[in-house]
């Protein structure tokens, strides 16, 4: 049996793992950073925070976040230094310098629509 031309040997890579690299190569560094933050969000902030808050995107060095209630927005505002430190540990120089919270999303849960 002959090998097909152009076929490479090696282990396959998940497309999701390549997105950040491709965006950076296209000059879309901000989008690549936002993707990287979103992909690691729960690991960075923990399951409890991730259940109530999710990243929307980056504007410069400001990470915009959606929070599901005013109570959680206030709680996270108080925990901002802790969250920024966790982002810094996980992302190094790619970490945002500021967080901006906005209330108003409802997470879709299984069985709810």
PDB file of N, CA and C in Angstrom:
ATOM      1  N   UNK A   1       0.827  -1.178   0.000  1.00  0.00           N
ATOM      2  CA  UNK A   1       0.000   0.000   0.000  1.00  0.00           C
ATOM      3  C   UNK A   1       0.877   1.250   0.000  1.00  0.00           C
ATOM      4  N   UNK A   2       0.566   2.178  -0.831  1.00  0.00           N
ATOM      5  CA  UNK A   2       1.375   3.392  -0.875  1.00  0.00           C
ATOM      6  C   UNK A   2       0.688   4.502  -0.084  1.00  0.00           C
ATOM      7  N   UNK A   3       1.509   5.379   0.427  1.00  0.00           N
ATOM      8  CA  UNK A   3       0.983   6.534   1.163  1.00  0.00           C
ATOM      9  C   UNK A   3       0.475   7.575   0.196  1.00  0.00           C
ATOM     10  N   UNK A   4      -0.558   8.272   0.613  1.00  0.00           N
ATOM     11  CA  UNK A   4      -1.052   9.379  -0.204  1.00  0.00           C
ATOM     12  C   UNK A   4      -0.093  10.551  -0.105  1.00  0.00           C
ATOM     13  N   UNK A   5       0.119  11.231  -1.227  1.00  0.00           N
ATOM     14  CA  UNK A   5       1.022  12.387  -1.190  1.00  0.00           C
ATOM     15  C   UNK A   5       0.451  13.484  -0.291  1.00  0.00           C
ATOM     16  N   UNK A   6       1.338  14.162   0.426  1.00  0.00           N
ATOM     17  CA  UNK A   6       0.921  15.280   1.252  1.00  0.00           C
ATOM     18  C   UNK A   6       0.400  14.891   2.622  1.00  0.00           C
ATOM     19  N   UNK A   7       0.273  13.635   2.885  1.00  0.00           N
ATOM     20  CA  UNK A   7      -0.228  13.201   4.177  1.00  0.00           C
ATOM     21  C   UNK A   7       0.906  13.221   5.193  1.00  0.00           C
ATOM     22  N   UNK A   8       0.633  13.771   6.363  1.00  0.00           N
ATOM     23  CA  UNK A   8       1.660  13.892   7.394  1.00  0.00           C
ATOM     24  C   UNK A   8       1.459  12.848   8.472  1.00  0.00           C
ATOM     25  N   UNK A   9       2.557  12.437   9.032  1.00  0.00           N
ATOM     26  CA  UNK A   9       2.506  11.538  10.175  1.00  0.00           C
ATOM     27  C   UNK A   9       2.471  12.380  11.444  1.00  0.00           C
ATOM     28  N   UNK A  10       1.917  11.815  12.490  1.00  0.00           N
ATOM     29  CA  UNK A  10       1.904  12.512  13.765  1.00  0.00           C
ATOM     30  C   UNK A  10       0.538  12.409  14.405  1.00  0.00           C
ATOM     31  N   UNK A  11       0.456  12.957  15.576  1.00  0.00           N
ATOM     32  CA  UNK A  11      -0.818  12.901  16.291  1.00  0.00           C
ATOM     33  C   UNK A  11      -1.708  14.047  15.847  1.00  0.00           C
ATOM     34  N   UNK A  12      -2.999  13.790  15.737  1.00  0.00           N
ATOM     35  CA  UNK A  12      -3.915  14.853  15.349  1.00  0.00           C
ATOM     36  C   UNK A  12      -4.050  15.898  16.460  1.00  0.00           C
ATOM     37  N   UNK A  13      -4.333  17.113  16.079  1.00  0.00           N
ATOM     38  CA  UNK A  13      -4.534  18.210  17.019  1.00  0.00           C
ATOM     39  C   UNK A  13      -5.974  18.673  16.924  1.00  0.00           C
ATOM     40  N   UNK A  14      -6.594  18.872  18.075  1.00  0.00           N
ATOM     41  CA  UNK A  14      -7.974  19.362  18.093  1.00  0.00           C
ATOM     42  C   UNK A  14      -8.026  20.767  17.500  1.00  0.00           C
ATOM     43  N   UNK A  15      -9.059  21.035  16.722  1.00  0.00           N
ATOM     44  CA  UNK A  15      -9.211  22.344  16.087  1.00  0.00           C
ATOM     45  C   UNK A  15      -9.268  23.451  17.140  1.00  0.00           C
ATOM     46  N   UNK A  16      -9.960  23.199  18.252  1.00  0.00           N
ATOM     47  CA  UNK A  16     -10.063  24.197  19.314  1.00  0.00           C
ATOM     48  C   UNK A  16      -8.711  24.616  19.855  1.00  0.00           C
ATOM     49  N   UNK A  17      -7.742  23.710  19.834  1.00  0.00           N
ATOM     50  CA  UNK A  17      -6.399  24.022  20.313  1.00  0.00           C
ATOM     51  C   UNK A  17      -5.637  24.906  19.326  1.00  0.00           C
ATOM     52  N   UNK A  18      -6.063  24.938  18.080  1.00  0.00           N
ATOM     53  CA  UNK A  18      -5.372  25.712  17.056  1.00  0.00           C
ATOM     54  C   UNK A  18      -5.941  27.113  16.859  1.00  0.00           C
ATOM     55  N   UNK A  19      -7.146  27.362  17.344  1.00  0.00           N
ATOM     56  CA  UNK A  19      -7.831  28.627  17.076  1.00  0.00           C
ATOM     57  C   UNK A  19      -6.997  29.823  17.513  1.00  0.00           C
ATOM     58  N   UNK A  20      -6.499  29.815  18.749  1.00  0.00           N
ATOM     59  CA  UNK A  20      -5.701  30.938  19.242  1.00  0.00           C
ATOM     60  C   UNK A  20      -4.472  31.191  18.402  1.00  0.00           C
ATOM     61  N   UNK A  21      -3.797  30.136  18.002  1.00  0.00           N
ATOM     62  CA  UNK A  21      -2.588  30.255  17.180  1.00  0.00           C
ATOM     63  C   UNK A  21      -2.914  30.874  15.826  1.00  0.00           C
ATOM     64  N   UNK A  22      -3.964  30.390  15.207  1.00  0.00           N
ATOM     65  CA  UNK A  22      -4.355  30.901  13.884  1.00  0.00           C
ATOM     66  C   UNK A  22      -4.757  32.378  13.974  1.00  0.00           C
ATOM     67  N   UNK A  23      -5.539  32.741  15.002  1.00  0.00           N
ATOM     68  CA  UNK A  23      -5.958  34.142  15.155  1.00  0.00           C
ATOM     69  C   UNK A  23      -4.743  35.053  15.343  1.00  0.00           C
ATOM     70  N   UNK A  24      -3.785  34.618  16.154  1.00  0.00           N
ATOM     71  CA  UNK A  24      -2.573  35.424  16.360  1.00  0.00           C
ATOM     72  C   UNK A  24      -1.802  35.578  15.055  1.00  0.00           C
ATOM     73  N   UNK A  25      -1.702  34.499  14.269  1.00  0.00           N
ATOM     74  CA  UNK A  25      -0.987  34.569  12.995  1.00  0.00           C
ATOM     75  C   UNK A  25      -1.681  35.496  12.004  1.00  0.00           C
ATOM     76  N   UNK A  26      -2.997  35.664  12.143  1.00  0.00           N
ATOM     77  CA  UNK A  26      -3.746  36.562  11.264  1.00  0.00           C
ATOM     78  C   UNK A  26      -3.713  38.008  11.757  1.00  0.00           C
ATOM     79  N   UNK A  27      -3.015  38.258  12.851  1.00  0.00           N
ATOM     80  CA  UNK A  27      -2.934  39.613  13.389  1.00  0.00           C
ATOM     81  C   UNK A  27      -4.109  39.971  14.270  1.00  0.00           C
ATOM     82  N   UNK A  28      -4.841  38.994  14.725  1.00  0.00           N
ATOM     83  CA  UNK A  28      -6.005  39.226  15.578  1.00  0.00           C
ATOM     84  C   UNK A  28      -5.669  38.833  17.014  1.00  0.00           C
ATOM     85  N   UNK A  29      -4.629  39.456  17.550  1.00  0.00           N
ATOM     86  CA  UNK A  29      -4.128  39.091  18.877  1.00  0.00           C
ATOM     87  C   UNK A  29      -5.178  39.265  19.970  1.00  0.00           C
ATOM     88  N   UNK A  30      -5.963  40.337  19.905  1.00  0.00           N
ATOM     89  CA  UNK A  30      -7.004  40.565  20.912  1.00  0.00           C
ATOM     90  C   UNK A  30      -8.029  39.451  20.916  1.00  0.00           C
ATOM     91  N   UNK A  31      -8.418  39.010  19.744  1.00  0.00           N
ATOM     92  CA  UNK A  31      -9.376  37.906  19.627  1.00  0.00           C
ATOM     93  C   UNK A  31      -8.742  36.619  20.138  1.00  0.00           C
ATOM     94  N   UNK A  32      -7.466  36.427  19.835  1.00  0.00           N
ATOM     95  CA  UNK A  32      -6.760  35.234  20.306  1.00  0.00           C
ATOM     96  C   UNK A  32      -6.685  35.222  21.826  1.00  0.00           C
ATOM     97  N   UNK A  33      -6.401  36.384  22.435  1.00  0.00           N
ATOM     98  CA  UNK A  33      -6.358  36.464  23.897  1.00  0.00           C
ATOM     99  C   UNK A  33      -7.727  36.163  24.494  1.00  0.00           C
ATOM    100  N   UNK A  34      -8.772  36.738  23.906  1.00  0.00           N
ATOM    101  CA  UNK A  34     -10.131  36.502  24.405  1.00  0.00           C
ATOM    102  C   UNK A  34     -10.485  35.023  24.304  1.00  0.00           C
ATOM    103  N   UNK A  35     -10.100  34.395  23.220  1.00  0.00           N
ATOM    104  CA  UNK A  35     -10.362  32.957  23.055  1.00  0.00           C
ATOM    105  C   UNK A  35      -9.626  32.161  24.127  1.00  0.00           C
ATOM    106  N   UNK A  36      -8.387  32.518  24.360  1.00  0.00           N
ATOM    107  CA  UNK A  36      -7.593  31.814  25.370  1.00  0.00           C
ATOM    108  C   UNK A  36      -8.213  31.953  26.757  1.00  0.00           C
ATOM    109  N   UNK A  37      -8.681  33.149  27.097  1.00  0.00           N
ATOM    110  CA  UNK A  37      -9.328  33.364  28.389  1.00  0.00           C
ATOM    111  C   UNK A  37     -10.606  32.537  28.480  1.00  0.00           C
ATOM    112  N   UNK A  38     -11.429  32.590  27.423  1.00  0.00           N
ATOM    113  CA  UNK A  38     -12.683  31.837  27.426  1.00  0.00           C
ATOM    114  C   UNK A  38     -12.471  30.340  27.547  1.00  0.00           C
ATOM    115  N   UNK A  39     -11.435  29.830  26.888  1.00  0.00           N
ATOM    116  CA  UNK A  39     -11.171  28.396  26.911  1.00  0.00           C
ATOM    117  C   UNK A  39     -10.732  27.918  28.293  1.00  0.00           C
ATOM    118  N   UNK A  40     -10.125  28.798  29.081  1.00  0.00           N
ATOM    119  CA  UNK A  40      -9.605  28.422  30.394  1.00  0.00           C
ATOM    120  C   UNK A  40     -10.406  29.017  31.549  1.00  0.00           C
ATOM    121  N   UNK A  41     -11.505  29.686  31.246  1.00  0.00           N
ATOM    122  CA  UNK A  41     -12.219  30.490  32.235  1.00  0.00           C
ATOM    123  C   UNK A  41     -12.524  29.738  33.533  1.00  0.00           C
ATOM    124  N   UNK A  42     -13.162  28.599  33.449  1.00  0.00           N
ATOM    125  CA  UNK A  42     -13.533  27.870  34.655  1.00  0.00           C
ATOM    126  C   UNK A  42     -12.305  27.430  35.448  1.00  0.00           C
ATOM    127  N   UNK A  43     -11.257  27.026  34.759  1.00  0.00           N
ATOM    128  CA  UNK A  43     -10.027  26.617  35.450  1.00  0.00           C
ATOM    129  C   UNK A  43      -9.373  27.796  36.161  1.00  0.00           C
ATOM    130  N   UNK A  44      -9.489  28.989  35.590  1.00  0.00           N
ATOM    131  CA  UNK A  44      -8.849  30.174  36.167  1.00  0.00           C
ATOM    132  C   UNK A  44      -9.621  30.678  37.379  1.00  0.00           C
ATOM    133  N   UNK A  45     -10.945  30.812  37.245  1.00  0.00           N
ATOM    134  CA  UNK A  45     -11.737  31.456  38.302  1.00  0.00           C
ATOM    135  C   UNK A  45     -12.460  30.481  39.217  1.00  0.00           C
ATOM    136  N   UNK A  46     -12.531  29.216  38.827  1.00  0.00           N
ATOM    137  CA  UNK A  46     -13.238  28.224  39.634  1.00  0.00           C
ATOM    138  C   UNK A  46     -14.669  28.030  39.153  1.00  0.00           C
ATOM    139  N   UNK A  47     -15.225  26.881  39.473  1.00  0.00           N
ATOM    140  CA  UNK A  47     -16.558  26.502  38.991  1.00  0.00           C
ATOM    141  C   UNK A  47     -17.651  27.421  39.514  1.00  0.00           C
ATOM    142  N   UNK A  48     -17.545  27.852  40.773  1.00  0.00           N
ATOM    143  CA  UNK A  48     -18.601  28.685  41.354  1.00  0.00           C
ATOM    144  C   UNK A  48     -18.697  30.031  40.644  1.00  0.00           C
ATOM    145  N   UNK A  49     -17.574  30.698  40.448  1.00  0.00           N
ATOM    146  CA  UNK A  49     -17.581  31.986  39.749  1.00  0.00           C
ATOM    147  C   UNK A  49     -18.011  31.788  38.295  1.00  0.00           C
ATOM    148  N   UNK A  50     -17.486  30.762  37.640  1.00  0.00           N
ATOM    149  CA  UNK A  50     -17.831  30.507  36.235  1.00  0.00           C
ATOM    150  C   UNK A  50     -19.316  30.211  36.048  1.00  0.00           C
ATOM    151  N   UNK A  51     -19.966  29.687  37.070  1.00  0.00           N
ATOM    152  CA  UNK A  51     -21.401  29.408  36.980  1.00  0.00           C
ATOM    153  C   UNK A  51     -22.236  30.691  36.945  1.00  0.00           C
ATOM    154  N   UNK A  52     -21.661  31.803  37.379  1.00  0.00           N
ATOM    155  CA  UNK A  52     -22.407  33.068  37.465  1.00  0.00           C
ATOM    156  C   UNK A  52     -21.835  34.179  36.592  1.00  0.00           C
ATOM    157  N   UNK A  53     -20.708  33.936  35.972  1.00  0.00           N
ATOM    158  CA  UNK A  53     -20.014  34.993  35.250  1.00  0.00           C
ATOM    159  C   UNK A  53     -19.255  34.388  34.076  1.00  0.00           C
ATOM    160  N   UNK A  54     -19.303  35.058  32.932  1.00  0.00           N
ATOM    161  CA  UNK A  54     -18.561  34.561  31.770  1.00  0.00           C
ATOM    162  C   UNK A  54     -17.962  35.735  30.999  1.00  0.00           C
ATOM    163  N   UNK A  55     -16.828  35.496  30.356  1.00  0.00           N
ATOM    164  CA  UNK A  55     -16.188  36.566  29.596  1.00  0.00           C
ATOM    165  C   UNK A  55     -16.942  36.855  28.299  1.00  0.00           C
ATOM    166  N   UNK A  56     -17.031  38.141  27.992  1.00  0.00           N
ATOM    167  CA  UNK A  56     -17.642  38.588  26.732  1.00  0.00           C
ATOM    168  C   UNK A  56     -16.583  38.897  25.687  1.00  0.00           C
ATOM    169  N   UNK A  57     -15.530  39.568  26.107  1.00  0.00           N
ATOM    170  CA  UNK A  57     -14.482  39.938  25.168  1.00  0.00           C
ATOM    171  C   UNK A  57     -13.515  40.914  25.801  1.00  0.00           C
ATOM    172  N   UNK A  58     -12.523  41.295  25.035  1.00  0.00           N
ATOM    173  CA  UNK A  58     -11.497  42.234  25.488  1.00  0.00           C
ATOM    174  C   UNK A  58     -11.605  43.533  24.725  1.00  0.00           C
ATOM    175  N   UNK A  59     -11.436  44.624  25.438  1.00  0.00           N
ATOM    176  CA  UNK A  59     -11.279  45.944  24.824  1.00  0.00           C
ATOM    177  C   UNK A  59      -9.972  46.491  25.368  1.00  0.00           C
ATOM    178  N   UNK A  60      -8.950  46.380  24.569  1.00  0.00           N
ATOM    179  CA  UNK A  60      -7.619  46.738  25.053  1.00  0.00           C
ATOM    180  C   UNK A  60      -7.211  45.771  26.150  1.00  0.00           C
ATOM    181  N   UNK A  61      -6.924  46.299  27.324  1.00  0.00           N
ATOM    182  CA  UNK A  61      -6.542  45.470  28.463  1.00  0.00           C
ATOM    183  C   UNK A  61      -7.701  45.259  29.436  1.00  0.00           C
ATOM    184  N   UNK A  62      -8.919  45.567  29.007  1.00  0.00           N
ATOM    185  CA  UNK A  62     -10.097  45.429  29.870  1.00  0.00           C
ATOM    186  C   UNK A  62     -10.891  44.196  29.433  1.00  0.00           C
ATOM    187  N   UNK A  63     -11.066  43.269  30.367  1.00  0.00           N
ATOM    188  CA  UNK A  63     -11.883  42.087  30.121  1.00  0.00           C
ATOM    189  C   UNK A  63     -13.311  42.401  30.525  1.00  0.00           C
ATOM    190  N   UNK A  64     -14.219  42.324  29.562  1.00  0.00           N
ATOM    191  CA  UNK A  64     -15.634  42.567  29.825  1.00  0.00           C
ATOM    192  C   UNK A  64     -16.305  41.252  30.164  1.00  0.00           C
ATOM    193  N   UNK A  65     -17.074  41.265  31.261  1.00  0.00           N
ATOM    194  CA  UNK A  65     -17.693  40.058  31.783  1.00  0.00           C
ATOM    195  C   UNK A  65     -19.188  40.252  31.963  1.00  0.00           C
ATOM    196  N   UNK A  66     -19.943  39.208  31.676  1.00  0.00           N
ATOM    197  CA  UNK A  66     -21.379  39.202  31.939  1.00  0.00           C
ATOM    198  C   UNK A  66     -21.613  38.442  33.229  1.00  0.00           C
ATOM    199  N   UNK A  67     -22.442  38.994  34.082  1.00  0.00           N
ATOM    200  CA  UNK A  67     -22.758  38.400  35.375  1.00  0.00           C
ATOM    201  C   UNK A  67     -24.260  38.194  35.444  1.00  0.00           C
ATOM    202  N   UNK A  68     -24.711  37.094  36.064  1.00  0.00           N
ATOM    203  CA  UNK A  68     -26.131  36.755  36.030  1.00  0.00           C
ATOM    204  C   UNK A  68     -27.003  37.465  37.052  1.00  0.00           C
ATOM    205  N   UNK A  69     -26.428  38.227  37.995  1.00  0.00           N
ATOM    206  CA  UNK A  69     -27.263  38.954  38.955  1.00  0.00           C
ATOM    207  C   UNK A  69     -26.475  40.123  39.545  1.00  0.00           C
ATOM    208  N   UNK A  70     -27.204  41.134  40.037  1.00  0.00           N
ATOM    209  CA  UNK A  70     -26.527  42.254  40.688  1.00  0.00           C
ATOM    210  C   UNK A  70     -25.733  41.824  41.935  1.00  0.00           C
ATOM    211  N   UNK A  71     -26.242  40.844  42.654  1.00  0.00           N
ATOM    212  CA  UNK A  71     -25.547  40.360  43.846  1.00  0.00           C
ATOM    213  C   UNK A  71     -24.188  39.788  43.469  1.00  0.00           C
ATOM    214  N   UNK A  72     -24.145  38.964  42.407  1.00  0.00           N
ATOM    215  CA  UNK A  72     -22.868  38.396  41.963  1.00  0.00           C
ATOM    216  C   UNK A  72     -21.954  39.472  41.393  1.00  0.00           C
ATOM    217  N   UNK A  73     -22.523  40.461  40.748  1.00  0.00           N
ATOM    218  CA  UNK A  73     -21.704  41.550  40.227  1.00  0.00           C
ATOM    219  C   UNK A  73     -20.995  42.270  41.374  1.00  0.00           C
ATOM    220  N   UNK A  74     -21.717  42.548  42.433  1.00  0.00           N
ATOM    221  CA  UNK A  74     -21.120  43.211  43.590  1.00  0.00           C
ATOM    222  C   UNK A  74     -20.060  42.318  44.240  1.00  0.00           C
ATOM    223  N   UNK A  75     -20.374  41.046  44.397  1.00  0.00           N
ATOM    224  CA  UNK A  75     -19.427  40.094  44.995  1.00  0.00           C
ATOM    225  C   UNK A  75     -18.128  40.040  44.179  1.00  0.00           C
ATOM    226  N   UNK A  76     -18.268  39.961  42.858  1.00  0.00           N
ATOM    227  CA  UNK A  76     -17.086  39.864  42.000  1.00  0.00           C
ATOM    228  C   UNK A  76     -16.311  41.175  41.953  1.00  0.00           C
ATOM    229  N   UNK A  77     -17.015  42.277  42.072  1.00  0.00           N
ATOM    230  CA  UNK A  77     -16.346  43.583  42.140  1.00  0.00           C
ATOM    231  C   UNK A  77     -15.417  43.622  43.354  1.00  0.00           C
ATOM    232  N   UNK A  78     -15.881  43.088  44.474  1.00  0.00           N
ATOM    233  CA  UNK A  78     -15.066  43.032  45.683  1.00  0.00           C
ATOM    234  C   UNK A  78     -13.894  42.061  45.536  1.00  0.00           C
ATOM    235  N   UNK A  79     -14.066  41.057  44.696  1.00  0.00           N
ATOM    236  CA  UNK A  79     -13.028  40.049  44.486  1.00  0.00           C
ATOM    237  C   UNK A  79     -12.139  40.353  43.269  1.00  0.00           C
ATOM    238  N   UNK A  80     -12.294  41.535  42.718  1.00  0.00           N
ATOM    239  CA  UNK A  80     -11.547  41.901  41.503  1.00  0.00           C
ATOM    240  C   UNK A  80     -10.034  41.690  41.635  1.00  0.00           C
ATOM    241  N   UNK A  81      -9.380  42.124  42.729  1.00  0.00           N
ATOM    242  CA  UNK A  81      -7.935  41.889  42.830  1.00  0.00           C
ATOM    243  C   UNK A  81      -7.583  40.398  42.790  1.00  0.00           C
ATOM    244  N   UNK A  82      -8.391  39.582  43.441  1.00  0.00           N
ATOM    245  CA  UNK A  82      -8.175  38.130  43.441  1.00  0.00           C
ATOM    246  C   UNK A  82      -8.327  37.553  42.029  1.00  0.00           C
ATOM    247  N   UNK A  83      -9.350  38.001  41.300  1.00  0.00           N
ATOM    248  CA  UNK A  83      -9.592  37.510  39.940  1.00  0.00           C
ATOM    249  C   UNK A  83      -8.476  37.956  38.997  1.00  0.00           C
ATOM    250  N   UNK A  84      -8.048  39.200  39.121  1.00  0.00           N
ATOM    251  CA  UNK A  84      -6.951  39.691  38.271  1.00  0.00           C
ATOM    252  C   UNK A  84      -5.656  38.932  38.560  1.00  0.00           C
ATOM    253  N   UNK A  85      -5.421  38.607  39.824  1.00  0.00           N
ATOM    254  CA  UNK A  85      -4.222  37.840  40.173  1.00  0.00           C
ATOM    255  C   UNK A  85      -4.285  36.436  39.570  1.00  0.00           C
ATOM    256  N   UNK A  86      -5.455  35.806  39.622  1.00  0.00           N
ATOM    257  CA  UNK A  86      -5.616  34.469  39.045  1.00  0.00           C
ATOM    258  C   UNK A  86      -5.413  34.511  37.531  1.00  0.00           C
ATOM    259  N   UNK A  87      -5.956  35.534  36.885  1.00  0.00           N
ATOM    260  CA  UNK A  87      -5.755  35.690  35.447  1.00  0.00           C
ATOM    261  C   UNK A  87      -4.280  35.908  35.131  1.00  0.00           C
ATOM    262  N   UNK A  88      -3.599  36.692  35.958  1.00  0.00           N
ATOM    263  CA  UNK A  88      -2.172  36.934  35.767  1.00  0.00           C
ATOM    264  C   UNK A  88      -1.341  35.667  35.888  1.00  0.00           C
ATOM    265  N   UNK A  89      -1.684  34.841  36.880  1.00  0.00           N
ATOM    266  CA  UNK A  89      -0.956  33.574  37.048  1.00  0.00           C
ATOM    267  C   UNK A  89      -1.179  32.653  35.855  1.00  0.00           C
ATOM    268  N   UNK A  90      -2.395  32.616  35.343  1.00  0.00           N
ATOM    269  CA  UNK A  90      -2.730  31.701  34.253  1.00  0.00           C
ATOM    270  C   UNK A  90      -2.260  32.192  32.891  1.00  0.00           C
ATOM    271  N   UNK A  91      -2.281  33.506  32.677  1.00  0.00           N
ATOM    272  CA  UNK A  91      -2.058  34.039  31.339  1.00  0.00           C
ATOM    273  C   UNK A  91      -0.777  34.852  31.182  1.00  0.00           C
ATOM    274  N   UNK A  92      -0.120  35.140  32.276  1.00  0.00           N
ATOM    275  CA  UNK A  92       1.113  35.922  32.201  1.00  0.00           C
ATOM    276  C   UNK A  92       0.883  37.293  31.592  1.00  0.00           C
ATOM    277  N   UNK A  93       1.704  37.658  30.621  1.00  0.00           N
ATOM    278  CA  UNK A  93       1.627  38.992  30.017  1.00  0.00           C
ATOM    279  C   UNK A  93       0.359  39.197  29.186  1.00  0.00           C
ATOM    280  N   UNK A  94      -0.356  38.126  28.868  1.00  0.00           N
ATOM    281  CA  UNK A  94      -1.615  38.242  28.125  1.00  0.00           C
ATOM    282  C   UNK A  94      -2.806  38.563  29.030  1.00  0.00           C
ATOM    283  N   UNK A  95      -2.586  38.605  30.332  1.00  0.00           N
ATOM    284  CA  UNK A  95      -3.686  38.829  31.276  1.00  0.00           C
ATOM    285  C   UNK A  95      -4.227  40.252  31.155  1.00  0.00           C
ATOM    286  N   UNK A  96      -5.544  40.400  31.302  1.00  0.00           N
ATOM    287  CA  UNK A  96      -6.122  41.753  31.299  1.00  0.00           C
ATOM    288  C   UNK A  96      -5.675  42.528  32.532  1.00  0.00           C
ATOM    289  N   UNK A  97      -5.688  43.840  32.441  1.00  0.00           N
ATOM    290  CA  UNK A  97      -5.283  44.704  33.556  1.00  0.00           C
ATOM    291  C   UNK A  97      -6.487  45.202  34.351  1.00  0.00           C
ATOM    292  N   UNK A  98      -7.682  45.050  33.766  1.00  0.00           N
ATOM    293  CA  UNK A  98      -8.899  45.556  34.406  1.00  0.00           C
ATOM    294  C   UNK A  98     -10.064  44.649  34.047  1.00  0.00           C
ATOM    295  N   UNK A  99     -11.076  44.633  34.918  1.00  0.00           N
ATOM    296  CA  UNK A  99     -12.300  43.872  34.673  1.00  0.00           C
ATOM    297  C   UNK A  99     -13.482  44.828  34.684  1.00  0.00           C
ATOM    298  N   UNK A 100     -14.415  44.607  33.783  1.00  0.00           N
ATOM    299  CA  UNK A 100     -15.657  45.401  33.746  1.00  0.00           C
ATOM    300  C   UNK A 100     -16.816  44.417  33.757  1.00  0.00           C
ATOM    301  N   UNK A 101     -17.701  44.568  34.748  1.00  0.00           N
ATOM    302  CA  UNK A 101     -18.832  43.657  34.918  1.00  0.00           C
ATOM    303  C   UNK A 101     -20.101  44.290  34.395  1.00  0.00           C
ATOM    304  N   UNK A 102     -20.921  43.470  33.737  1.00  0.00           N
ATOM    305  CA  UNK A 102     -22.248  43.929  33.329  1.00  0.00           C
ATOM    306  C   UNK A 102     -23.238  42.825  33.685  1.00  0.00           C
ATOM    307  N   UNK A 103     -24.352  43.245  34.263  1.00  0.00           N
ATOM    308  CA  UNK A 103     -25.382  42.306  34.701  1.00  0.00           C
ATOM    309  C   UNK A 103     -26.324  42.053  33.546  1.00  0.00           C
ATOM    310  N   UNK A 104     -26.777  40.797  33.444  1.00  0.00           N
ATOM    311  CA  UNK A 104     -27.838  40.593  32.496  1.00  0.00           C
ATOM    312  C   UNK A 104     -27.796  39.375  31.630  1.00  0.00           C
ATOM    313  N   UNK A 105     -27.177  38.328  32.027  1.00  0.00           N
ATOM    314  CA  UNK A 105     -27.313  37.139  31.215  1.00  0.00           C
ATOM    315  C   UNK A 105     -27.890  36.033  32.062  1.00  0.00           C
ATOM    316  N   UNK A 106     -28.608  35.166  31.397  1.00  0.00           N
ATOM    317  CA  UNK A 106     -29.157  33.990  32.072  1.00  0.00           C
ATOM    318  C   UNK A 106     -28.565  32.779  31.384  1.00  0.00           C
ATOM    319  N   UNK A 107     -27.824  31.997  32.120  1.00  0.00           N
ATOM    320  CA  UNK A 107     -27.208  30.791  31.553  1.00  0.00           C
ATOM    321  C   UNK A 107     -28.302  29.796  31.207  1.00  0.00           C
ATOM    322  N   UNK A 108     -28.237  29.270  29.991  1.00  0.00           N
ATOM    323  CA  UNK A 108     -29.175  28.209  29.606  1.00  0.00           C
ATOM    324  C   UNK A 108     -28.778  26.925  30.290  1.00  0.00           C
ATOM    325  N   UNK A 109     -29.696  26.361  31.025  1.00  0.00           N
ATOM    326  CA  UNK A 109     -29.434  25.105  31.703  1.00  0.00           C
ATOM    327  C   UNK A 109     -30.227  24.014  31.007  1.00  0.00           C
ATOM    328  N   UNK A 110     -29.752  22.797  31.102  1.00  0.00           N
ATOM    329  CA  UNK A 110     -30.449  21.666  30.477  1.00  0.00           C
ATOM    330  C   UNK A 110     -31.891  21.628  30.977  1.00  0.00           C
ATOM    331  N   UNK A 111     -32.804  21.490  30.045  1.00  0.00           N
ATOM    332  CA  UNK A 111     -34.212  21.404  30.412  1.00  0.00           C
ATOM    333  C   UNK A 111     -34.912  22.736  30.504  1.00  0.00           C
ATOM    334  N   UNK A 112     -34.155  23.840  30.376  1.00  0.00           N
ATOM    335  CA  UNK A 112     -34.762  25.172  30.394  1.00  0.00           C
ATOM    336  C   UNK A 112     -34.595  25.787  29.018  1.00  0.00           C
ATOM    337  N   UNK A 113     -35.510  26.585  28.613  1.00  0.00           N
ATOM    338  CA  UNK A 113     -35.339  27.131  27.285  1.00  0.00           C
ATOM    339  C   UNK A 113     -35.825  28.472  27.188  1.00  0.00           C
TER     340      UNK A 113
END
